[in-house]
């Protein structure tokens, strides 16, 4: 039985795949310049405390709980494509307001930036659920691992040179604006926003999948509740949610210390940190190339277990880094290359566990519920970070401060996630799939 949209022929599908690659590359470039450490450094330039940095990271994840309603939006608007494009346009338009918000100055800037990013992130997260649902409709299930792996590799080819280049450019501009340290970050966000909007152009020409084309009576509460909560009633999906919630909570708990440590303790500027990120992205090319085919042939679970162990070990390099030897951090970023395998296999496994036509419900439930635990962990971590600025603890003969204690606990808790994901059953594992010569995946059968 074919699991792609029967209304899409082979040439149209091949064209859609090519367009999706172009969109992914443009999105990756825009995302580098408008998210992540760049926003953390911008907030610190505006005077943010540890708790305020945690709020900046956690609040968008909290409002992301509303992603649960993405499946209902897909039903209402008719296709995942429409929801993806609509929410993306509004999300990126809001991001374009960052220069105005930063211009307020002082506490007003931080407060307005927080609220702006909350709404922006909510809409972008809903767009992501819709996009993955859309791509899940278009790409046959047996080839999704390879498709997402190739898509990830193309994005990485853009990220690797752009990360250090953008960081060095921001650091250079800071020397020209000593009285306005936020200006270089704002310029980067403006360019990134333009690229994000440009990434929507190829998506417009792609065919829509079948998600949402069969109308359901949204006024019927039972149907809507079933749409939103269905993943909670499936044993395998619940175990995957348990893994996601565990990992998200402990990622959030130690993220404030992890993000502030390189600048505050080691003195590393954005350029140096972005070079480390570029090193990670280079490693992710190799991980992506392997993870996609392995997940198609052997299942997603083995890849997730191996990658989780590598990712969980990375904080040990933060633990041993010091102002005299700051570049131990490279070890962490190299191990974090394994995130590529998690990013490919988690959504793939989430869709594999979903009943036919329910990709959006499973994806929305996973990302929404894990965002709640990420938020809780990040809030708690930011609060504890500010609560014990000078405290030290004796652990097994080591005198640990708030940073080193966080990194040691991060290693233990994140690594434990591998044991949880190992218990997730995966349907269809063990089937060998061989591509015929010249087969591009169109019209593939289970």
Protein backbone atom coordinates (compact mmCIF):
# COMPACT_ATOMS: atom_id res chain seq x y z
CA UNK A 1 0.00 0.00 0.00
CA UNK A 2 1.43 3.37 -1.00
CA UNK A 3 1.78 5.85 1.84
CA UNK A 4 2.18 8.97 -0.23
CA UNK A 5 -0.58 11.12 -1.69
CA UNK A 6 -2.16 9.20 -4.58
CA UNK A 7 -2.96 12.48 -6.33
CA UNK A 8 0.73 13.33 -6.89
CA UNK A 9 2.50 11.74 -9.85
CA UNK A 10 6.21 10.90 -10.01
CA UNK A 11 7.46 14.00 -11.87
CA UNK A 12 5.51 16.28 -9.54
CA UNK A 13 6.92 14.49 -6.52
CA UNK A 14 10.50 14.79 -7.78
CA UNK A 15 9.97 18.49 -8.41
CA UNK A 16 8.50 18.93 -4.93
CA UNK A 17 11.51 17.25 -3.35
CA UNK A 18 13.90 19.58 -5.19
CA UNK A 19 11.90 22.64 -4.15
CA UNK A 20 11.83 21.44 -0.55
CA UNK A 21 15.62 21.23 -0.58
CA UNK A 22 15.91 24.83 -1.80
CA UNK A 23 13.50 26.02 0.89
CA UNK A 24 15.42 24.09 3.56
CA UNK A 25 18.72 25.69 2.57
CA UNK A 26 17.30 29.23 2.66
CA UNK A 27 15.60 28.54 5.98
CA UNK A 28 18.84 27.23 7.49
CA UNK A 29 20.72 30.39 6.50
CA UNK A 30 18.01 32.62 7.91
CA UNK A 31 17.75 30.62 11.11
CA UNK A 32 21.48 30.98 11.82
CA UNK A 33 21.15 34.75 11.78
CA UNK A 34 17.97 35.02 13.84
CA UNK A 35 18.05 32.43 16.63
CA UNK A 36 20.11 30.50 19.16
CA UNK A 37 23.22 31.97 20.75
CA UNK A 38 22.83 35.17 18.76
CA UNK A 39 19.64 35.99 20.66
CA UNK A 40 21.25 35.01 23.97
CA UNK A 41 24.18 37.35 23.29
CA UNK A 42 21.73 40.08 22.26
CA UNK A 43 19.83 39.68 25.52
CA UNK A 44 23.07 39.80 27.52
CA UNK A 45 24.07 42.95 25.63
CA UNK A 46 20.78 44.48 26.80
CA UNK A 47 21.63 43.54 30.40
CA UNK A 48 19.70 40.29 30.85
CA UNK A 49 20.28 38.25 34.02
CA UNK A 50 20.51 34.46 34.13
CA UNK A 51 16.80 34.18 34.92
CA UNK A 52 15.92 36.56 32.09
CA UNK A 53 18.01 34.48 29.68
CA UNK A 54 16.10 31.39 30.82
CA UNK A 55 12.82 33.26 30.27
CA UNK A 56 13.95 34.16 26.76
CA UNK A 57 14.60 30.49 26.03
CA UNK A 58 11.69 28.95 27.90
CA UNK A 59 8.73 31.23 27.28
CA UNK A 60 8.52 30.47 23.54
CA UNK A 61 8.59 26.76 24.38
CA UNK A 62 5.75 27.21 26.87
CA UNK A 63 3.44 28.92 24.40
CA UNK A 64 4.45 26.18 21.99
CA UNK A 65 1.99 23.97 23.90
CA UNK A 66 -0.61 25.51 21.59
CA UNK A 67 0.95 23.47 18.79
CA UNK A 68 -1.50 20.79 19.89
CA UNK A 69 -4.10 22.67 17.87
CA UNK A 70 -2.11 22.51 14.62
CA UNK A 71 -4.01 19.39 13.45
CA UNK A 72 -7.29 21.24 13.94
CA UNK A 73 -5.96 24.17 11.91
CA UNK A 74 -4.97 21.78 9.12
CA UNK A 75 -8.51 20.42 9.06
CA UNK A 76 -9.98 23.91 9.11
CA UNK A 77 -7.78 25.35 6.34
CA UNK A 78 -7.89 22.20 4.23
CA UNK A 79 -4.19 21.34 3.83
CA UNK A 80 -0.98 21.34 5.85
CA UNK A 81 0.55 23.50 3.10
CA UNK A 82 -1.83 26.38 3.79
CA UNK A 83 -1.22 26.27 7.52
CA UNK A 84 2.55 26.09 7.02
CA UNK A 85 2.65 29.11 4.72
CA UNK A 86 0.20 31.23 6.69
CA UNK A 87 1.82 30.74 10.09
CA UNK A 88 5.31 31.17 8.62
CA UNK A 89 4.50 34.51 6.99
CA UNK A 90 3.10 35.94 10.21
CA UNK A 91 5.96 34.49 12.30
CA UNK A 92 8.65 36.05 10.13
CA UNK A 93 6.81 39.36 9.91
CA UNK A 94 6.90 39.51 13.71
CA UNK A 95 10.62 38.72 13.71
CA UNK A 96 11.13 41.75 11.46
CA UNK A 97 9.98 43.92 14.39
CA UNK A 98 13.03 43.01 16.51
CA UNK A 99 14.99 46.18 15.49
CA UNK A 100 12.09 48.35 16.64
CA UNK A 101 11.74 46.45 19.91
CA UNK A 102 15.46 46.70 20.71
CA UNK A 103 15.27 50.42 20.05
CA UNK A 104 13.10 50.87 23.15
CA UNK A 105 16.16 50.47 25.36
CA UNK A 106 16.58 49.10 28.88
CA UNK A 107 14.01 46.87 30.55
CA UNK A 108 11.40 47.82 27.96
CA UNK A 109 13.54 46.18 25.27
CA UNK A 110 13.91 42.93 27.19
CA UNK A 111 10.23 42.68 28.02
CA UNK A 112 9.07 43.50 24.51
CA UNK A 113 11.68 41.16 22.98
CA UNK A 114 10.44 38.32 25.19
CA UNK A 115 6.80 38.74 24.18
CA UNK A 116 7.64 39.19 20.52
CA UNK A 117 9.73 36.03 20.44
CA UNK A 118 7.02 34.09 22.28
CA UNK A 119 4.45 34.76 19.57
CA UNK A 120 7.01 34.34 16.79
CA UNK A 121 8.16 30.99 18.13
CA UNK A 122 4.61 29.74 18.63
CA UNK A 123 3.72 30.45 15.02
CA UNK A 124 6.98 29.03 13.69
CA UNK A 125 6.53 25.88 15.77
CA UNK A 126 3.03 25.42 14.38
CA UNK A 127 4.46 25.95 10.91
CA UNK A 128 7.08 23.26 11.61
CA UNK A 129 4.42 20.71 12.59
CA UNK A 130 2.50 21.55 9.43
CA UNK A 131 5.66 21.31 7.30
CA UNK A 132 6.65 17.89 8.66
CA UNK A 133 3.08 16.70 8.14
CA UNK A 134 3.18 18.01 4.58
CA UNK A 135 6.52 16.37 3.81
CA UNK A 136 5.33 13.15 5.46
CA UNK A 137 2.44 13.11 2.98
CA UNK A 138 4.71 13.62 -0.01
CA UNK A 139 7.64 11.30 0.75
CA UNK A 140 7.01 7.49 0.94
CA UNK A 141 7.60 6.12 4.41
CA UNK A 142 10.30 3.65 3.47
CA UNK A 143 12.44 6.50 2.07
CA UNK A 144 11.82 9.22 4.64
CA UNK A 145 15.02 8.54 6.57
CA UNK A 146 17.15 9.05 3.46
CA UNK A 147 15.13 12.07 2.38
CA UNK A 148 15.45 13.83 5.74
CA UNK A 149 19.12 12.85 5.90
CA UNK A 150 19.85 14.46 2.52
CA UNK A 151 17.80 17.51 3.46
CA UNK A 152 19.81 17.84 6.66
CA UNK A 153 23.12 17.54 4.80
CA UNK A 154 22.19 20.35 2.42
CA UNK A 155 21.31 22.59 5.35
CA UNK A 156 24.60 21.74 7.04
CA UNK A 157 26.57 22.71 3.94
CA UNK A 158 25.17 26.21 4.39
CA UNK A 159 25.48 26.32 8.16
CA UNK A 160 29.14 25.30 8.33
CA UNK A 161 30.63 28.39 6.61
CA UNK A 162 27.87 30.79 7.70
CA UNK A 163 28.11 30.13 11.45
CA UNK A 164 31.71 31.32 11.99
CA UNK A 165 31.45 34.01 9.30
CA UNK A 166 28.37 35.56 10.89
CA UNK A 167 29.89 35.36 14.38
CA UNK A 168 33.10 37.06 13.30
CA UNK A 169 31.15 39.71 11.42
CA UNK A 170 29.04 40.48 14.51
CA UNK A 171 32.15 40.65 16.70
CA UNK A 172 33.82 43.02 14.20
CA UNK A 173 30.76 45.28 14.06
CA UNK A 174 30.65 45.45 17.85
CA UNK A 175 33.99 47.26 17.78
CA UNK A 176 32.41 49.93 15.57
CA UNK A 177 29.39 50.36 17.86
CA UNK A 178 30.92 50.36 21.36
CA UNK A 179 28.06 52.48 22.75
CA UNK A 180 25.35 50.36 21.10
CA UNK A 181 26.35 46.69 21.57
CA UNK A 182 22.95 45.43 20.40
CA UNK A 183 23.19 46.93 16.90
CA UNK A 184 25.28 44.15 15.26
CA UNK A 185 22.89 41.48 16.55
CA UNK A 186 19.89 43.41 15.26
CA UNK A 187 21.45 43.70 11.80
CA UNK A 188 22.03 39.93 11.74
CA UNK A 189 18.40 39.29 12.71
CA UNK A 190 17.19 41.61 9.94
CA UNK A 191 19.18 39.74 7.28
CA UNK A 192 18.07 36.41 8.70
CA UNK A 193 14.44 37.45 8.58
CA UNK A 194 14.73 38.35 4.89
CA UNK A 195 16.16 34.88 4.15
CA UNK A 196 13.40 33.18 6.15
CA UNK A 197 10.75 34.98 4.12
CA UNK A 198 12.58 34.05 0.91
CA UNK A 199 12.53 30.38 1.96
CA UNK A 200 8.74 30.37 1.59
CA UNK A 201 8.88 31.08 -2.15
CA UNK A 202 9.83 27.49 -3.21
CA UNK A 203 7.17 26.08 -0.86
CA UNK A 204 4.44 27.97 -2.69
CA UNK A 205 5.07 25.92 -5.86
CA UNK A 206 5.03 22.54 -4.10
CA UNK A 207 1.89 20.36 -4.31
CA UNK A 208 -0.18 19.95 -1.16
CA UNK A 209 -0.53 16.56 0.47
CA UNK A 210 -3.74 14.92 1.62
CA UNK A 211 -3.64 16.01 5.29
CA UNK A 212 -6.72 18.03 6.09
CA UNK A 213 -8.47 17.43 2.79
CA UNK A 214 -11.07 15.23 4.45
CA UNK A 215 -13.15 17.61 6.53
CA UNK A 216 -14.09 16.64 10.08
CA UNK A 217 -16.81 18.30 12.19
CA UNK A 218 -14.60 20.43 14.45
CA UNK A 219 -17.61 21.43 16.46
CA UNK A 220 -17.81 17.87 17.76
CA UNK A 221 -15.72 17.93 20.97
CA UNK A 222 -15.18 14.18 20.94
CA UNK A 223 -13.60 14.28 17.49
CA UNK A 224 -11.37 17.24 18.37
CA UNK A 225 -10.27 15.65 21.65
CA UNK A 226 -9.47 12.42 19.82
CA UNK A 227 -7.43 14.37 17.28
CA UNK A 228 -5.39 16.09 20.00
CA UNK A 229 -4.98 13.29 22.55
CA UNK A 230 -4.77 10.16 20.39
CA UNK A 231 -0.98 9.73 20.88
CA UNK A 232 -1.49 9.49 24.65
CA UNK A 233 -3.58 6.33 24.25
CA UNK A 234 -0.91 4.43 22.30
CA UNK A 235 1.69 2.57 24.37
CA UNK A 236 4.60 3.08 21.97
CA UNK A 237 3.82 6.79 21.51
CA UNK A 238 3.63 7.24 25.29
CA UNK A 239 7.10 5.76 25.72
CA UNK A 240 8.47 8.06 23.06
CA UNK A 241 6.79 11.00 24.81
CA UNK A 242 8.38 9.89 28.11
CA UNK A 243 11.80 9.97 26.49
CA UNK A 244 11.15 13.37 24.92
CA UNK A 245 9.87 14.87 28.17
CA UNK A 246 12.81 13.50 30.20
CA UNK A 247 15.41 14.74 27.73
CA UNK A 248 13.71 18.12 27.28
CA UNK A 249 13.47 18.78 31.01
CA UNK A 250 17.13 18.11 31.70
CA UNK A 251 18.22 19.94 28.56
CA UNK A 252 16.34 22.98 29.86
CA UNK A 253 17.54 22.60 33.45
CA UNK A 254 21.18 23.08 32.52
CA UNK A 255 20.83 25.29 29.43
CA UNK A 256 21.26 28.62 31.24
CA UNK A 257 24.61 27.59 32.73
CA UNK A 258 25.65 26.08 29.40
CA UNK A 259 24.82 29.22 27.40
CA UNK A 260 26.34 31.77 29.81
CA UNK A 261 29.50 29.82 30.74
CA UNK A 262 31.49 30.33 27.48
CA UNK A 263 31.27 34.13 27.60
CA UNK A 264 31.09 34.82 31.35
CA UNK A 265 33.77 32.34 32.51
CA UNK A 266 35.88 31.49 29.47
CA UNK A 267 35.65 34.87 27.71
CA UNK A 268 34.72 33.37 24.33
CA UNK A 269 33.03 35.75 21.89
CA UNK A 270 30.29 34.84 19.42
CA UNK A 271 32.80 34.21 16.60
CA UNK A 272 34.64 31.54 18.60
CA UNK A 273 31.40 29.89 19.65
CA UNK A 274 30.03 29.88 16.12
CA UNK A 275 33.25 28.24 14.91
CA UNK A 276 32.58 25.44 17.39
CA UNK A 277 29.05 25.18 16.08
CA UNK A 278 30.43 24.95 12.55
CA UNK A 279 32.66 22.07 13.67
CA UNK A 280 29.57 20.33 15.04
CA UNK A 281 27.69 20.89 11.77
CA UNK A 282 30.59 19.39 9.82
CA UNK A 283 30.32 16.26 11.92
CA UNK A 284 26.57 16.24 11.40
CA UNK A 285 27.06 15.77 7.66
CA UNK A 286 28.62 12.37 8.34
CA UNK A 287 26.01 11.48 10.96
CA UNK A 288 23.17 12.49 8.63
CA UNK A 289 24.58 10.47 5.75
CA UNK A 290 24.60 7.37 7.93
CA UNK A 291 21.49 7.92 10.05
CA UNK A 292 19.03 8.17 7.18
CA UNK A 293 19.80 4.82 5.48
CA UNK A 294 20.24 3.01 8.83
CA UNK A 295 16.87 4.24 10.07
CA UNK A 296 15.17 3.07 6.86
CA UNK A 297 16.75 -0.39 7.00
CA UNK A 298 17.27 -1.13 10.70
CA UNK A 299 14.88 1.24 12.41
CA UNK A 300 15.09 4.59 14.14
CA UNK A 301 15.56 3.26 17.67
CA UNK A 302 19.19 2.01 17.35
CA UNK A 303 20.23 5.37 15.90
CA UNK A 304 18.46 7.24 18.69
CA UNK A 305 20.09 5.16 21.44
CA UNK A 306 23.61 5.61 20.04
CA UNK A 307 23.18 9.31 19.37
CA UNK A 308 21.63 9.93 22.78
CA UNK A 309 24.66 8.41 24.52
CA UNK A 310 27.02 10.64 22.55
CA UNK A 311 24.96 13.77 23.13
CA UNK A 312 24.67 12.98 26.83
CA UNK A 313 28.45 12.67 27.26
CA UNK A 314 29.18 16.10 25.72
CA UNK A 315 28.74 18.17 28.96
CA UNK A 316 31.85 16.48 30.42
CA UNK A 317 33.95 18.67 28.10
CA UNK A 318 32.31 21.77 29.59
CA UNK A 319 33.11 20.29 33.01
CA UNK A 320 36.88 20.21 32.34
CA UNK A 321 37.11 23.50 30.37
CA UNK A 322 38.76 26.50 32.06
CA UNK A 323 39.87 30.04 31.11
CA UNK A 324 43.37 28.60 30.58
CA UNK A 325 42.06 25.74 28.42
CA UNK A 326 38.78 26.96 26.92
CA UNK A 327 38.93 24.85 23.80
CA UNK A 328 37.99 21.67 25.61
CA UNK A 329 34.55 22.86 24.52
CA UNK A 330 35.33 21.61 21.02
CA UNK A 331 34.93 18.07 22.35
CA UNK A 332 31.36 18.83 23.41
CA UNK A 333 30.43 20.33 20.06
CA UNK A 334 31.95 17.39 18.20
CA UNK A 335 29.84 14.94 20.22
CA UNK A 336 26.80 17.12 19.65
CA UNK A 337 27.15 16.21 15.99
CA UNK A 338 25.04 13.23 17.05
CA UNK A 339 22.06 15.57 17.37
CA UNK A 340 21.71 15.11 13.60
CA UNK A 341 20.68 11.50 14.12
CA UNK A 342 18.16 12.52 16.78
CA UNK A 343 16.73 15.29 14.60
CA UNK A 344 16.26 12.86 11.69
CA UNK A 345 14.95 9.85 13.58
CA UNK A 346 12.70 11.42 16.21
CA UNK A 347 10.14 12.92 13.80
CA UNK A 348 10.51 9.87 11.56
CA UNK A 349 9.72 7.52 14.46
CA UNK A 350 6.91 9.79 15.64
CA UNK A 351 5.24 9.56 12.23
CA UNK A 352 5.90 5.83 12.02
CA UNK A 353 4.03 5.28 15.28
CA UNK A 354 1.06 7.35 14.08
CA UNK A 355 -2.07 5.74 12.59
CA UNK A 356 -2.70 6.49 8.89
CA UNK A 357 -3.55 10.14 8.37
CA UNK A 358 -2.56 11.10 11.93
CA UNK A 359 0.99 12.41 11.41
CA UNK A 360 0.03 15.91 12.48
CA UNK A 361 -1.57 14.72 15.74
CA UNK A 362 1.50 12.71 16.80
CA UNK A 363 3.96 15.42 15.80
CA UNK A 364 1.98 18.16 17.52
CA UNK A 365 1.58 16.12 20.71
CA UNK A 366 5.27 15.24 20.87
CA UNK A 367 6.61 18.75 20.28
CA UNK A 368 3.97 20.47 22.40
CA UNK A 369 4.29 18.24 25.48
CA UNK A 370 8.07 18.13 25.40
CA UNK A 371 8.11 21.93 25.18
CA UNK A 372 6.26 22.07 28.52
CA UNK A 373 9.03 20.04 30.18
CA UNK A 374 11.69 22.09 28.42
CA UNK A 375 10.04 25.23 29.79
CA UNK A 376 9.80 23.87 33.33
CA UNK A 377 13.43 22.78 33.30
CA UNK A 378 14.66 26.06 31.85
CA UNK A 379 12.74 28.21 34.35
CA UNK A 380 14.01 26.10 37.25
CA UNK A 381 17.56 26.11 35.90
CA UNK A 382 17.60 29.90 35.46
CA UNK A 383 16.21 30.39 38.97
CA UNK A 384 18.78 28.08 40.57
CA UNK A 385 21.57 29.67 38.53
CA UNK A 386 20.83 33.11 40.00
CA UNK A 387 20.12 31.70 43.47
CA UNK A 388 23.63 30.28 44.00
CA UNK A 389 26.11 32.69 42.35
CA UNK A 390 29.01 31.96 44.74
CA UNK A 391 28.04 28.64 46.31
CA UNK A 392 30.34 25.61 46.03
CA UNK A 393 29.62 21.95 46.77
CA UNK A 394 31.98 19.11 47.64
CA UNK A 395 31.21 16.06 45.47
CA UNK A 396 33.51 13.00 45.56
CA UNK A 397 36.48 15.19 46.48
CA UNK A 398 35.76 17.88 43.90
CA UNK A 399 34.80 21.41 44.81
CA UNK A 400 32.07 22.27 42.31
CA UNK A 401 30.56 25.67 41.55
CA UNK A 402 27.17 26.25 39.89
CA UNK A 403 28.64 25.65 36.43
CA UNK A 404 30.62 22.46 37.03
CA UNK A 405 27.83 20.91 39.12
CA UNK A 406 25.37 21.61 36.30
CA UNK A 407 27.63 20.01 33.70
CA UNK A 408 28.21 16.88 35.80
CA UNK A 409 24.49 16.40 36.39
CA UNK A 410 23.77 17.12 32.72
CA UNK A 411 26.01 14.22 31.70
CA UNK A 412 24.25 11.79 34.05
CA UNK A 413 20.66 12.77 33.29
CA UNK A 414 20.96 13.21 29.52
CA UNK A 415 22.80 9.91 29.12
CA UNK A 416 20.01 8.16 31.03
CA UNK A 417 17.64 9.11 28.22
CA UNK A 418 19.21 6.40 26.05
CA UNK A 419 17.77 3.74 28.36
CA UNK A 420 14.29 5.19 27.98
CA UNK A 421 14.28 5.43 24.19
CA UNK A 422 15.62 1.86 23.99
CA UNK A 423 12.25 0.64 25.31
CA UNK A 424 10.20 2.22 22.50
CA UNK A 425 8.81 -0.50 20.19
CA UNK A 426 9.06 0.27 16.49
CA UNK A 427 6.75 -1.31 13.88
CA UNK A 428 8.20 -2.65 10.66
CA UNK A 429 11.78 -2.98 11.93
CA UNK A 430 13.79 -5.67 10.21
CA UNK A 431 12.39 -5.22 6.71
CA UNK A 432 15.08 -4.73 4.10
CA UNK A 433 14.37 -2.06 1.53
CA UNK A 434 16.36 -2.00 -1.69
CA UNK A 435 16.02 0.78 -4.20
CA UNK A 436 15.77 -0.36 -7.76
CA UNK A 437 18.15 1.25 -10.20
CA UNK A 438 16.85 4.68 -11.05
CA UNK A 439 14.19 4.56 -8.32
CA UNK A 440 13.80 8.00 -6.81
CA UNK A 441 11.28 6.89 -4.28
CA UNK A 442 8.19 7.98 -6.18
CA UNK A 443 5.28 5.64 -5.82
CA UNK A 444 7.19 3.38 -3.46
CA UNK A 445 5.22 0.65 -1.71
CA UNK A 446 5.54 -0.69 1.80
